[in-house]
Amino acid sequence: MDRVEEIKSAIASLPPDDYRRLADWFRALDHTRWDGQMDPDSAAGKLGLLFREAERESKHGLVRGWPPSE
């Protein structure tokens, strides 16, 4: 069995509280890695097209606030 399969098996056997803690940690790690990928692109101006599109759509009332108001 390779390492990934061992990890998957171990995760599948975790009690619910431990699984939830691991899932929370993994989500936080994923967000940190995503930010690490996006920050250099943003600093290099590669996201300008997306910002301009959002501004255009906002002017036309096509953008909703986040989080949604209750």
Protein backbone atom coordinates (compact mmCIF):
# COMPACT_ATOMS: atom_id res chain seq x y z
CA MET A 1 0.00 0.00 0.00
CA ASP A 2 1.46 3.39 -0.91
CA ARG A 3 1.64 6.36 1.43
CA VAL A 4 -1.46 8.13 0.10
CA GLU A 5 -3.55 4.98 0.48
CA GLU A 6 -2.29 4.59 4.07
CA ILE A 7 -3.25 8.19 4.85
CA LYS A 8 -6.68 7.75 3.25
CA SER A 9 -7.27 4.62 5.30
CA ALA A 10 -6.19 6.34 8.50
CA ILE A 11 -8.48 9.31 7.79
CA ALA A 12 -11.43 7.02 7.07
CA SER A 13 -11.02 5.39 10.48
CA LEU A 14 -10.86 8.62 12.50
CA PRO A 15 -13.52 9.32 15.13
CA PRO A 16 -15.89 12.15 14.08
CA ASP A 17 -14.27 14.84 16.26
CA ASP A 18 -10.77 14.05 14.99
CA TYR A 19 -12.03 13.92 11.40
CA ARG A 20 -13.63 17.36 11.82
CA ARG A 21 -10.39 18.79 13.27
CA LEU A 22 -8.41 17.35 10.36
CA ALA A 23 -10.93 18.66 7.82
CA ASP A 24 -10.74 22.15 9.36
CA TRP A 25 -6.94 22.04 9.25
CA PHE A 26 -6.95 20.84 5.64
CA ARG A 27 -9.35 23.63 4.58
CA ALA A 28 -7.13 26.23 6.26
CA LEU A 29 -4.05 24.79 4.54
CA ASP A 30 -5.86 24.78 1.19
CA HIS A 31 -6.86 28.44 1.63
CA THR A 32 -3.29 29.38 2.57
CA ARG A 33 -1.92 27.66 -0.53
CA TRP A 34 -4.58 29.30 -2.72
CA ASP A 35 -3.68 32.72 -1.33
CA GLY A 36 -0.01 31.94 -2.00
CA GLN A 37 -0.86 31.28 -5.64
CA MET A 38 -3.15 34.30 -6.06
CA ASP A 39 -1.00 36.95 -4.35
CA PRO A 40 1.82 36.93 -6.95
CA ASP A 41 -0.72 37.00 -9.81
CA SER A 42 -2.52 39.92 -8.21
CA ALA A 43 0.73 41.82 -7.60
CA ALA A 44 1.71 41.24 -11.25
CA GLY A 45 -1.59 42.72 -12.45
CA LYS A 46 -2.78 39.42 -13.93
CA LEU A 47 -6.19 39.77 -12.26
CA GLY A 48 -6.97 43.21 -13.67
CA LEU A 49 -9.38 41.79 -16.22
CA LEU A 50 -11.45 40.19 -13.45
CA PHE A 51 -11.53 43.41 -11.43
CA ARG A 52 -12.64 45.43 -14.45
CA GLU A 53 -15.36 42.90 -15.22
CA ALA A 54 -16.60 43.03 -11.61
CA GLU A 55 -16.65 46.84 -11.69
CA ARG A 56 -18.69 46.81 -14.94
CA GLU A 57 -21.16 44.31 -13.54
CA SER A 58 -21.43 46.23 -10.28
CA LYS A 59 -22.34 49.41 -12.19
CA HIS A 60 -25.18 47.48 -13.84
CA GLY A 61 -26.46 46.07 -10.55
CA LEU A 62 -25.40 42.52 -11.36
CA VAL A 63 -23.20 41.98 -8.28
CA ARG A 64 -24.63 40.84 -4.97
CA GLY A 65 -22.98 41.55 -1.65
CA TRP A 66 -21.17 38.84 0.24
CA PRO A 67 -22.05 37.45 2.63
CA PRO A 68 -25.69 37.70 1.65
CA SER A 69 -27.74 39.80 4.01
CA GLU A 70 -30.39 37.92 5.93
